[in-house]
């Protein structure tokens, strides 16, 4: 287990990387004995630094929800990170939102559903029914993922490990909302789908059933996972349930159209 001093040092490296847009080397390479718990400790230390700088927590994200991604990361469960107010972008229907590319290092776009809570969800025994009961509405959302820790080691070309991704706030960097709001009880959430177009071309399609069969499953998992840390999903927070498409690489000038059918569209461009 890493010492408190090491945790603070690594969190400070992430904070610096976010400002300089220069990726840092793998934490797991420097600390071969690093654990998943260490990764979450680094992430929490980084969040604490953001809060001290004036940012506010607006919710949480769940990642690695597909079995294929878990196997690739050599874990058997999802991971999670924290959403901050500085990450939030809101679309206006019919208009293309501008997103500044220079806020990110290597941005990628994922298609998701977001749950907005009206009640607290406190583990350890939360299930899907409790999630639906605690949700005010569900809405389409785009997660912008990014990597402050380089994907491949600059020397060995070895890919980063899950400990690195977890340390890096589960790769979260932004969230786009602004489409329709639907009742989780009257909407067949697993059948909610989207077509993601990039510069007019269909890049990805998917159904929310790709997120563990039902997107509320991950929300329940997260509420239970936070319980040992003494943390709770709060009323008013946004919780991203996990992507049901592969990430699409974004660069300056790219325009995206995420069409959720009856749930509306999210249109944005990296400028």
C-alpha atoms as a PDB file:
ATOM      1  CA  UNK A   1       0.000   0.000   0.000  1.00  0.00           C
ATOM      2  CA  UNK A   2       1.258   3.481  -0.863  1.00  0.00           C
ATOM      3  CA  UNK A   3       2.043   5.938   1.903  1.00  0.00           C
ATOM      4  CA  UNK A   4      -0.032   9.076   2.401  1.00  0.00           C
ATOM      5  CA  UNK A   5       2.898  11.138   1.148  1.00  0.00           C
ATOM      6  CA  UNK A   6       3.135   9.077  -2.045  1.00  0.00           C
ATOM      7  CA  UNK A   7      -0.621   9.417  -2.586  1.00  0.00           C
ATOM      8  CA  UNK A   8      -0.399  13.200  -2.318  1.00  0.00           C
ATOM      9  CA  UNK A   9       2.584  13.322  -4.671  1.00  0.00           C
ATOM     10  CA  UNK A  10       0.803  11.327  -7.365  1.00  0.00           C
ATOM     11  CA  UNK A  11      -2.389  13.370  -7.024  1.00  0.00           C
ATOM     12  CA  UNK A  12      -0.327  16.542  -7.438  1.00  0.00           C
ATOM     13  CA  UNK A  13       1.190  15.112 -10.633  1.00  0.00           C
ATOM     14  CA  UNK A  14      -2.312  14.613 -12.043  1.00  0.00           C
ATOM     15  CA  UNK A  15      -3.309  18.144 -11.109  1.00  0.00           C
ATOM     16  CA  UNK A  16      -0.206  19.517 -12.826  1.00  0.00           C
ATOM     17  CA  UNK A  17      -0.816  17.382 -15.925  1.00  0.00           C
ATOM     18  CA  UNK A  18      -4.334  18.757 -16.227  1.00  0.00           C
ATOM     19  CA  UNK A  19      -2.916  22.291 -16.329  1.00  0.00           C
ATOM     20  CA  UNK A  20       0.132  21.696 -18.547  1.00  0.00           C
ATOM     21  CA  UNK A  21      -1.513  19.131 -20.861  1.00  0.00           C
ATOM     22  CA  UNK A  22       1.578  16.975 -20.492  1.00  0.00           C
ATOM     23  CA  UNK A  23       0.895  13.293 -19.635  1.00  0.00           C
ATOM     24  CA  UNK A  24       2.692  11.638 -16.756  1.00  0.00           C
ATOM     25  CA  UNK A  25       4.323   8.219 -16.702  1.00  0.00           C
ATOM     26  CA  UNK A  26       2.566   5.155 -15.325  1.00  0.00           C
ATOM     27  CA  UNK A  27       2.159   5.138 -11.571  1.00  0.00           C
ATOM     28  CA  UNK A  28       2.006   1.340 -11.654  1.00  0.00           C
ATOM     29  CA  UNK A  29       5.467   1.200 -13.221  1.00  0.00           C
ATOM     30  CA  UNK A  30       6.995   3.321 -10.473  1.00  0.00           C
ATOM     31  CA  UNK A  31       5.081   1.453  -7.760  1.00  0.00           C
ATOM     32  CA  UNK A  32       4.727  -2.201  -8.865  1.00  0.00           C
ATOM     33  CA  UNK A  33       2.948  -3.092  -5.610  1.00  0.00           C
ATOM     34  CA  UNK A  34       0.188  -0.558  -6.240  1.00  0.00           C
ATOM     35  CA  UNK A  35      -3.365  -1.783  -5.558  1.00  0.00           C
ATOM     36  CA  UNK A  36      -6.832  -0.805  -6.730  1.00  0.00           C
ATOM     37  CA  UNK A  37      -7.433   0.757  -3.309  1.00  0.00           C
ATOM     38  CA  UNK A  38      -4.301   2.865  -3.801  1.00  0.00           C
ATOM     39  CA  UNK A  39      -5.738   4.017  -7.115  1.00  0.00           C
ATOM     40  CA  UNK A  40      -8.933   5.210  -5.459  1.00  0.00           C
ATOM     41  CA  UNK A  41      -6.929   6.906  -2.718  1.00  0.00           C
ATOM     42  CA  UNK A  42      -5.016   8.872  -5.370  1.00  0.00           C
ATOM     43  CA  UNK A  43      -8.258   9.763  -7.123  1.00  0.00           C
ATOM     44  CA  UNK A  44      -9.827  10.994  -3.882  1.00  0.00           C
ATOM     45  CA  UNK A  45      -6.724  13.045  -3.085  1.00  0.00           C
ATOM     46  CA  UNK A  46      -6.940  14.637  -6.550  1.00  0.00           C
ATOM     47  CA  UNK A  47     -10.639  15.428  -6.012  1.00  0.00           C
ATOM     48  CA  UNK A  48      -9.803  17.006  -2.655  1.00  0.00           C
ATOM     49  CA  UNK A  49      -7.319  19.265  -4.437  1.00  0.00           C
ATOM     50  CA  UNK A  50      -9.993  20.297  -6.945  1.00  0.00           C
ATOM     51  CA  UNK A  51     -12.448  21.099  -4.154  1.00  0.00           C
ATOM     52  CA  UNK A  52      -9.818  23.169  -2.371  1.00  0.00           C
ATOM     53  CA  UNK A  53      -9.426  25.126  -5.627  1.00  0.00           C
ATOM     54  CA  UNK A  54     -13.151  25.945  -5.647  1.00  0.00           C
ATOM     55  CA  UNK A  55     -14.668  23.196  -7.755  1.00  0.00           C
ATOM     56  CA  UNK A  56     -17.801  21.323  -6.678  1.00  0.00           C
ATOM     57  CA  UNK A  57     -18.859  17.674  -6.939  1.00  0.00           C
ATOM     58  CA  UNK A  58     -21.911  17.258  -9.211  1.00  0.00           C
ATOM     59  CA  UNK A  59     -21.978  13.480  -9.441  1.00  0.00           C
ATOM     60  CA  UNK A  60     -20.134  10.326 -10.406  1.00  0.00           C
ATOM     61  CA  UNK A  61     -19.267   8.167 -13.395  1.00  0.00           C
ATOM     62  CA  UNK A  62     -19.030   4.421 -13.841  1.00  0.00           C
ATOM     63  CA  UNK A  63     -16.577   2.917 -16.302  1.00  0.00           C
ATOM     64  CA  UNK A  64     -15.417  -0.470 -17.581  1.00  0.00           C
ATOM     65  CA  UNK A  65     -19.005  -1.721 -17.506  1.00  0.00           C
ATOM     66  CA  UNK A  66     -18.655  -4.238 -20.345  1.00  0.00           C
ATOM     67  CA  UNK A  67     -17.246  -7.694 -19.739  1.00  0.00           C
ATOM     68  CA  UNK A  68     -14.806  -7.255 -22.629  1.00  0.00           C
ATOM     69  CA  UNK A  69     -13.344  -4.073 -21.106  1.00  0.00           C
ATOM     70  CA  UNK A  70     -13.054  -5.712 -17.693  1.00  0.00           C
ATOM     71  CA  UNK A  71     -11.205  -8.661 -19.130  1.00  0.00           C
ATOM     72  CA  UNK A  72      -8.878  -6.338 -21.033  1.00  0.00           C
ATOM     73  CA  UNK A  73      -8.156  -4.495 -17.773  1.00  0.00           C
ATOM     74  CA  UNK A  74      -7.795  -7.760 -15.832  1.00  0.00           C
ATOM     75  CA  UNK A  75     -10.513  -6.894 -13.303  1.00  0.00           C
ATOM     76  CA  UNK A  76     -13.939  -8.389 -12.589  1.00  0.00           C
ATOM     77  CA  UNK A  77     -15.950  -5.250 -11.847  1.00  0.00           C
ATOM     78  CA  UNK A  78     -16.397  -1.675 -13.140  1.00  0.00           C
ATOM     79  CA  UNK A  79     -14.503   1.347 -11.880  1.00  0.00           C
ATOM     80  CA  UNK A  80     -15.734   4.816 -10.962  1.00  0.00           C
ATOM     81  CA  UNK A  81     -14.767   8.486 -10.774  1.00  0.00           C
ATOM     82  CA  UNK A  82     -16.099  11.885  -9.703  1.00  0.00           C
ATOM     83  CA  UNK A  83     -17.870  14.533 -11.803  1.00  0.00           C
ATOM     84  CA  UNK A  84     -17.029  18.169 -11.063  1.00  0.00           C
ATOM     85  CA  UNK A  85     -18.891  21.331 -12.037  1.00  0.00           C
ATOM     86  CA  UNK A  86     -15.984  22.384 -14.250  1.00  0.00           C
ATOM     87  CA  UNK A  87     -16.588  19.307 -16.439  1.00  0.00           C
ATOM     88  CA  UNK A  88     -20.225  20.077 -17.319  1.00  0.00           C
ATOM     89  CA  UNK A  89     -21.243  21.186 -20.830  1.00  0.00           C
ATOM     90  CA  UNK A  90     -24.908  21.771 -21.679  1.00  0.00           C
ATOM     91  CA  UNK A  91     -26.286  21.610 -25.234  1.00  0.00           C
ATOM     92  CA  UNK A  92     -29.125  23.781 -26.511  1.00  0.00           C
ATOM     93  CA  UNK A  93     -31.518  21.803 -28.756  1.00  0.00           C
ATOM     94  CA  UNK A  94     -30.925  22.564 -32.419  1.00  0.00           C
ATOM     95  CA  UNK A  95     -27.554  24.190 -31.857  1.00  0.00           C
ATOM     96  CA  UNK A  96     -24.022  22.796 -32.005  1.00  0.00           C
ATOM     97  CA  UNK A  97     -22.178  23.225 -28.710  1.00  0.00           C
ATOM     98  CA  UNK A  98     -18.543  24.331 -28.889  1.00  0.00           C
ATOM     99  CA  UNK A  99     -16.095  22.444 -26.677  1.00  0.00           C
ATOM    100  CA  UNK A 100     -12.549  23.821 -26.311  1.00  0.00           C
ATOM    101  CA  UNK A 101     -10.087  21.153 -27.399  1.00  0.00           C
ATOM    102  CA  UNK A 102      -7.246  22.730 -25.431  1.00  0.00           C
ATOM    103  CA  UNK A 103      -8.913  21.671 -22.190  1.00  0.00           C
ATOM    104  CA  UNK A 104      -7.920  18.072 -22.888  1.00  0.00           C
ATOM    105  CA  UNK A 105      -4.887  15.959 -23.720  1.00  0.00           C
ATOM    106  CA  UNK A 106      -6.344  13.117 -25.822  1.00  0.00           C
ATOM    107  CA  UNK A 107     -10.152  13.446 -25.656  1.00  0.00           C
ATOM    108  CA  UNK A 108     -12.468  10.615 -26.613  1.00  0.00           C
ATOM    109  CA  UNK A 109     -16.254  10.515 -26.756  1.00  0.00           C
ATOM    110  CA  UNK A 110     -18.559   7.881 -25.224  1.00  0.00           C
ATOM    111  CA  UNK A 111     -22.352   7.504 -25.452  1.00  0.00           C
ATOM    112  CA  UNK A 112     -24.205   6.979 -22.168  1.00  0.00           C
ATOM    113  CA  UNK A 113     -27.332   7.525 -20.101  1.00  0.00           C
ATOM    114  CA  UNK A 114     -27.271   9.755 -17.032  1.00  0.00           C
ATOM    115  CA  UNK A 115     -29.406   9.227 -13.931  1.00  0.00           C
ATOM    116  CA  UNK A 116     -30.332  12.386 -12.025  1.00  0.00           C
ATOM    117  CA  UNK A 117     -31.223  11.522  -8.451  1.00  0.00           C
ATOM    118  CA  UNK A 118     -34.042  12.905  -6.313  1.00  0.00           C
ATOM    119  CA  UNK A 119     -33.142  10.820  -3.255  1.00  0.00           C
ATOM    120  CA  UNK A 120     -29.889   9.727  -1.638  1.00  0.00           C
ATOM    121  CA  UNK A 121     -28.708   6.202  -2.414  1.00  0.00           C
ATOM    122  CA  UNK A 122     -26.741   4.702   0.448  1.00  0.00           C
ATOM    123  CA  UNK A 123     -25.254   1.199   0.323  1.00  0.00           C
ATOM    124  CA  UNK A 124     -24.531  -1.552   1.061  1.00  0.00           C
ATOM    125  CA  UNK A 125     -27.838  -3.143  -0.002  1.00  0.00           C
ATOM    126  CA  UNK A 126     -29.013  -0.993  -2.917  1.00  0.00           C
ATOM    127  CA  UNK A 127     -30.677  -2.787  -5.857  1.00  0.00           C
ATOM    128  CA  UNK A 128     -32.145  -1.760  -9.219  1.00  0.00           C
ATOM    129  CA  UNK A 129     -35.590  -1.040  -7.737  1.00  0.00           C
ATOM    130  CA  UNK A 130     -34.123   1.371  -5.214  1.00  0.00           C
ATOM    131  CA  UNK A 131     -32.197   3.111  -8.007  1.00  0.00           C
ATOM    132  CA  UNK A 132     -35.352   3.585 -10.095  1.00  0.00           C
ATOM    133  CA  UNK A 133     -37.235   4.840  -7.053  1.00  0.00           C
ATOM    134  CA  UNK A 134     -34.476   7.356  -6.257  1.00  0.00           C
ATOM    135  CA  UNK A 135     -34.154   8.684  -9.834  1.00  0.00           C
ATOM    136  CA  UNK A 136     -35.896  11.902 -10.835  1.00  0.00           C
ATOM    137  CA  UNK A 137     -35.216  11.371 -14.543  1.00  0.00           C
ATOM    138  CA  UNK A 138     -32.850   9.747 -17.030  1.00  0.00           C
ATOM    139  CA  UNK A 139     -31.309  11.716 -19.880  1.00  0.00           C
ATOM    140  CA  UNK A 140     -28.821  11.126 -22.706  1.00  0.00           C
ATOM    141  CA  UNK A 141     -25.247  12.075 -21.891  1.00  0.00           C
ATOM    142  CA  UNK A 142     -21.872  12.117 -23.550  1.00  0.00           C
ATOM    143  CA  UNK A 143     -18.824  11.424 -21.449  1.00  0.00           C
ATOM    144  CA  UNK A 144     -15.574  12.966 -22.596  1.00  0.00           C
ATOM    145  CA  UNK A 145     -12.810  10.725 -21.357  1.00  0.00           C
ATOM    146  CA  UNK A 146      -9.182  11.779 -21.242  1.00  0.00           C
ATOM    147  CA  UNK A 147      -5.861  10.478 -19.969  1.00  0.00           C
ATOM    148  CA  UNK A 148      -3.520  12.462 -17.791  1.00  0.00           C
ATOM    149  CA  UNK A 149      -1.481   9.262 -17.497  1.00  0.00           C
ATOM    150  CA  UNK A 150      -0.058   8.185 -20.846  1.00  0.00           C
ATOM    151  CA  UNK A 151      -1.753   5.174 -22.436  1.00  0.00           C
ATOM    152  CA  UNK A 152       1.496   3.484 -23.457  1.00  0.00           C
ATOM    153  CA  UNK A 153       4.727   3.826 -21.519  1.00  0.00           C
ATOM    154  CA  UNK A 154       7.062   6.169 -23.391  1.00  0.00           C
ATOM    155  CA  UNK A 155       9.990   3.788 -22.943  1.00  0.00           C
ATOM    156  CA  UNK A 156       8.638   0.235 -22.947  1.00  0.00           C
ATOM    157  CA  UNK A 157       5.383   0.847 -24.904  1.00  0.00           C
ATOM    158  CA  UNK A 158       3.569  -1.252 -22.284  1.00  0.00           C
ATOM    159  CA  UNK A 159      -0.089  -0.249 -21.847  1.00  0.00           C
ATOM    160  CA  UNK A 160      -1.122   1.406 -18.570  1.00  0.00           C
ATOM    161  CA  UNK A 161      -2.822  -0.725 -15.925  1.00  0.00           C
ATOM    162  CA  UNK A 162      -6.224  -0.321 -14.306  1.00  0.00           C
ATOM    163  CA  UNK A 163      -4.549   1.171 -11.209  1.00  0.00           C
ATOM    164  CA  UNK A 164      -3.393   4.062 -13.392  1.00  0.00           C
ATOM    165  CA  UNK A 165      -6.838   4.626 -14.903  1.00  0.00           C
ATOM    166  CA  UNK A 166      -8.537   4.537 -11.496  1.00  0.00           C
ATOM    167  CA  UNK A 167      -5.988   7.013 -10.111  1.00  0.00           C
ATOM    168  CA  UNK A 168      -6.783   9.259 -13.058  1.00  0.00           C
ATOM    169  CA  UNK A 169     -10.425   9.711 -11.935  1.00  0.00           C
ATOM    170  CA  UNK A 170     -11.396   6.704 -14.086  1.00  0.00           C
ATOM    171  CA  UNK A 171     -10.343   8.790 -17.130  1.00  0.00           C
ATOM    172  CA  UNK A 172     -13.234  11.238 -16.717  1.00  0.00           C
ATOM    173  CA  UNK A 173     -12.790  14.782 -18.039  1.00  0.00           C
ATOM    174  CA  UNK A 174     -16.173  16.062 -19.223  1.00  0.00           C
ATOM    175  CA  UNK A 175     -19.891  15.454 -19.596  1.00  0.00           C
ATOM    176  CA  UNK A 176     -22.364  16.794 -22.180  1.00  0.00           C
ATOM    177  CA  UNK A 177     -26.115  16.906 -21.445  1.00  0.00           C
ATOM    178  CA  UNK A 178     -29.134  18.775 -22.798  1.00  0.00           C
ATOM    179  CA  UNK A 179     -31.467  16.276 -24.500  1.00  0.00           C
ATOM    180  CA  UNK A 180     -34.854  14.887 -23.376  1.00  0.00           C
ATOM    181  CA  UNK A 181     -35.621  13.830 -19.811  1.00  0.00           C
ATOM    182  CA  UNK A 182     -37.546  10.586 -19.336  1.00  0.00           C
ATOM    183  CA  UNK A 183     -39.178   8.731 -16.468  1.00  0.00           C
ATOM    184  CA  UNK A 184     -37.093   5.673 -15.522  1.00  0.00           C
ATOM    185  CA  UNK A 185     -40.237   3.751 -14.591  1.00  0.00           C
ATOM    186  CA  UNK A 186     -42.099   4.249 -17.866  1.00  0.00           C
ATOM    187  CA  UNK A 187     -39.093   4.039 -20.208  1.00  0.00           C
ATOM    188  CA  UNK A 188     -37.618   0.738 -21.354  1.00  0.00           C
ATOM    189  CA  UNK A 189     -34.090   1.788 -20.487  1.00  0.00           C
ATOM    190  CA  UNK A 190     -32.219  -1.261 -21.845  1.00  0.00           C
ATOM    191  CA  UNK A 191     -33.731  -0.536 -25.281  1.00  0.00           C
ATOM    192  CA  UNK A 192     -32.646   3.113 -25.301  1.00  0.00           C
ATOM    193  CA  UNK A 193     -30.093   3.433 -28.061  1.00  0.00           C
ATOM    194  CA  UNK A 194     -28.015   5.956 -29.948  1.00  0.00           C
ATOM    195  CA  UNK A 195     -26.272   6.576 -33.247  1.00  0.00           C
ATOM    196  CA  UNK A 196     -23.027   8.497 -32.883  1.00  0.00           C
ATOM    197  CA  UNK A 197     -21.979  10.400 -35.994  1.00  0.00           C
ATOM    198  CA  UNK A 198     -18.561  11.982 -36.309  1.00  0.00           C
ATOM    199  CA  UNK A 199     -18.177  14.532 -39.091  1.00  0.00           C
ATOM    200  CA  UNK A 200     -21.326  13.153 -40.696  1.00  0.00           C
ATOM    201  CA  UNK A 201     -20.227   9.509 -40.648  1.00  0.00           C
ATOM    202  CA  UNK A 202     -21.749   6.855 -38.382  1.00  0.00           C
ATOM    203  CA  UNK A 203     -18.950   6.029 -35.970  1.00  0.00           C
ATOM    204  CA  UNK A 204     -20.767   3.952 -33.324  1.00  0.00           C
ATOM    205  CA  UNK A 205     -24.213   2.561 -32.500  1.00  0.00           C
ATOM    206  CA  UNK A 206     -25.405   0.826 -29.361  1.00  0.00           C
ATOM    207  CA  UNK A 207     -28.116   0.010 -26.847  1.00  0.00           C
ATOM    208  CA  UNK A 208     -28.082   0.752 -23.134  1.00  0.00           C
ATOM    209  CA  UNK A 209     -28.565  -2.988 -22.549  1.00  0.00           C
ATOM    210  CA  UNK A 210     -24.845  -3.186 -23.296  1.00  0.00           C
ATOM    211  CA  UNK A 211     -24.267  -1.754 -19.819  1.00  0.00           C
ATOM    212  CA  UNK A 212     -24.602  -4.925 -17.723  1.00  0.00           C
ATOM    213  CA  UNK A 213     -28.064  -5.662 -19.163  1.00  0.00           C
ATOM    214  CA  UNK A 214     -29.681  -2.592 -17.582  1.00  0.00           C
ATOM    215  CA  UNK A 215     -28.060   0.804 -16.918  1.00  0.00           C
ATOM    216  CA  UNK A 216     -29.472   0.950 -13.366  1.00  0.00           C
ATOM    217  CA  UNK A 217     -27.362  -2.077 -12.407  1.00  0.00           C
ATOM    218  CA  UNK A 218     -24.210   0.028 -12.376  1.00  0.00           C
ATOM    219  CA  UNK A 219     -25.828   2.766 -10.295  1.00  0.00           C
ATOM    220  CA  UNK A 220     -26.738   0.219  -7.627  1.00  0.00           C
ATOM    221  CA  UNK A 221     -23.225  -1.237  -7.777  1.00  0.00           C
ATOM    222  CA  UNK A 222     -21.696   2.198  -7.250  1.00  0.00           C
ATOM    223  CA  UNK A 223     -23.917   3.052  -4.266  1.00  0.00           C
ATOM    224  CA  UNK A 224     -22.834  -0.202  -2.625  1.00  0.00           C
ATOM    225  CA  UNK A 225     -19.168   0.273  -3.588  1.00  0.00           C
ATOM    226  CA  UNK A 226     -19.025   3.726  -2.005  1.00  0.00           C
ATOM    227  CA  UNK A 227     -20.476   2.543   1.308  1.00  0.00           C
ATOM    228  CA  UNK A 228     -17.194   1.244   2.823  1.00  0.00           C
ATOM    229  CA  UNK A 229     -15.664   4.672   2.174  1.00  0.00           C
ATOM    230  CA  UNK A 230     -18.514   6.317   4.088  1.00  0.00           C
ATOM    231  CA  UNK A 231     -19.788   7.940   0.881  1.00  0.00           C
ATOM    232  CA  UNK A 232     -23.305   8.193  -0.574  1.00  0.00           C
ATOM    233  CA  UNK A 233     -24.869   9.066  -3.923  1.00  0.00           C
ATOM    234  CA  UNK A 234     -26.666  12.337  -3.173  1.00  0.00           C
ATOM    235  CA  UNK A 235     -30.010  13.751  -4.311  1.00  0.00           C
ATOM    236  CA  UNK A 236     -29.439  16.179  -7.179  1.00  0.00           C
ATOM    237  CA  UNK A 237     -26.312  14.424  -8.403  1.00  0.00           C
ATOM    238  CA  UNK A 238     -25.718  13.146 -11.928  1.00  0.00           C
ATOM    239  CA  UNK A 239     -24.568   9.536 -12.228  1.00  0.00           C
ATOM    240  CA  UNK A 240     -23.257   8.304 -15.578  1.00  0.00           C
ATOM    241  CA  UNK A 241     -24.236   4.661 -15.954  1.00  0.00           C
ATOM    242  CA  UNK A 242     -21.453   3.608 -18.324  1.00  0.00           C
ATOM    243  CA  UNK A 243     -20.835   3.724 -22.059  1.00  0.00           C
ATOM    244  CA  UNK A 244     -22.639   1.449 -24.486  1.00  0.00           C
ATOM    245  CA  UNK A 245     -20.332   2.322 -27.409  1.00  0.00           C
ATOM    246  CA  UNK A 246     -16.611   2.219 -27.945  1.00  0.00           C
ATOM    247  CA  UNK A 247     -14.856   5.548 -27.392  1.00  0.00           C
ATOM    248  CA  UNK A 248     -14.450   7.730 -30.491  1.00  0.00           C
ATOM    249  CA  UNK A 249     -11.222   9.702 -30.698  1.00  0.00           C
ATOM    250  CA  UNK A 250     -11.848  13.453 -30.978  1.00  0.00           C
ATOM    251  CA  UNK A 251      -9.595  16.173 -32.350  1.00  0.00           C
ATOM    252  CA  UNK A 252      -9.935  19.861 -33.050  1.00  0.00           C
ATOM    253  CA  UNK A 253     -12.536  20.486 -35.772  1.00  0.00           C
ATOM    254  CA  UNK A 254     -14.462  17.243 -35.227  1.00  0.00           C
ATOM    255  CA  UNK A 255     -18.242  17.606 -35.056  1.00  0.00           C
ATOM    256  CA  UNK A 256     -20.364  14.992 -33.291  1.00  0.00           C
ATOM    257  CA  UNK A 257     -24.070  14.197 -33.441  1.00  0.00           C
ATOM    258  CA  UNK A 258     -25.362  11.714 -30.852  1.00  0.00           C
ATOM    259  CA  UNK A 259     -28.880  10.793 -31.964  1.00  0.00           C
ATOM    260  CA  UNK A 260     -30.923   9.042 -29.257  1.00  0.00           C
ATOM    261  CA  UNK A 261     -34.140   8.923 -31.315  1.00  0.00           C
ATOM    262  CA  UNK A 262     -37.136   9.872 -29.172  1.00  0.00           C
ATOM    263  CA  UNK A 263     -34.755  11.023 -26.423  1.00  0.00           C
ATOM    264  CA  UNK A 264     -33.294  13.747 -28.639  1.00  0.00           C
ATOM    265  CA  UNK A 265     -29.833  14.706 -29.851  1.00  0.00           C
ATOM    266  CA  UNK A 266     -26.580  16.019 -28.449  1.00  0.00           C
ATOM    267  CA  UNK A 267     -24.623  18.009 -31.018  1.00  0.00           C
ATOM    268  CA  UNK A 268     -21.175  19.418 -30.302  1.00  0.00           C
ATOM    269  CA  UNK A 269     -17.912  20.355 -31.939  1.00  0.00           C
ATOM    270  CA  UNK A 270     -14.341  20.440 -30.660  1.00  0.00           C
ATOM    271  CA  UNK A 271     -12.926  23.880 -31.412  1.00  0.00           C
END
